[in-house]
């Protein structure tokens, strides 16, 4: 079965850390850029971070810059999102998605093409609360 599976969510106090994982099953992530998105209750899904297929290029939403770090280990077919200094407003369901990387398309433009993502995970809940 071809799928992405997120893990690592949970309940954490403000200022705490979590590391999310996005693991691919049934296909290789080598050719895919991976985007992390989140959706809070009553809000639209928003982009959090994105990483190119090689891992050489990354981008972040302004709201998470300096606190979140995206990385990938293609040997493990997994992408990670390290989240530090978490705030209550980071509370959301976090999703990862895979989109074929294209050298001719800037990563910032590529990662927002939601209709072109080939795979999505089921989401993992992150709750930041004291």
Foldseek 3Di string as FASTA:
>chain_A
DWAWAKDWADEAAQQAKIKIKIATDPDFLLQWKKWKWWDDPPGDIDTAKIAGSVRPDMDGDPVQPPFWDWGDDRVRRMIMIIGGRDDQVVWTWMKMFIAGDDPVDDPVVRVVPVVRTPHMYPTDTHGYHD
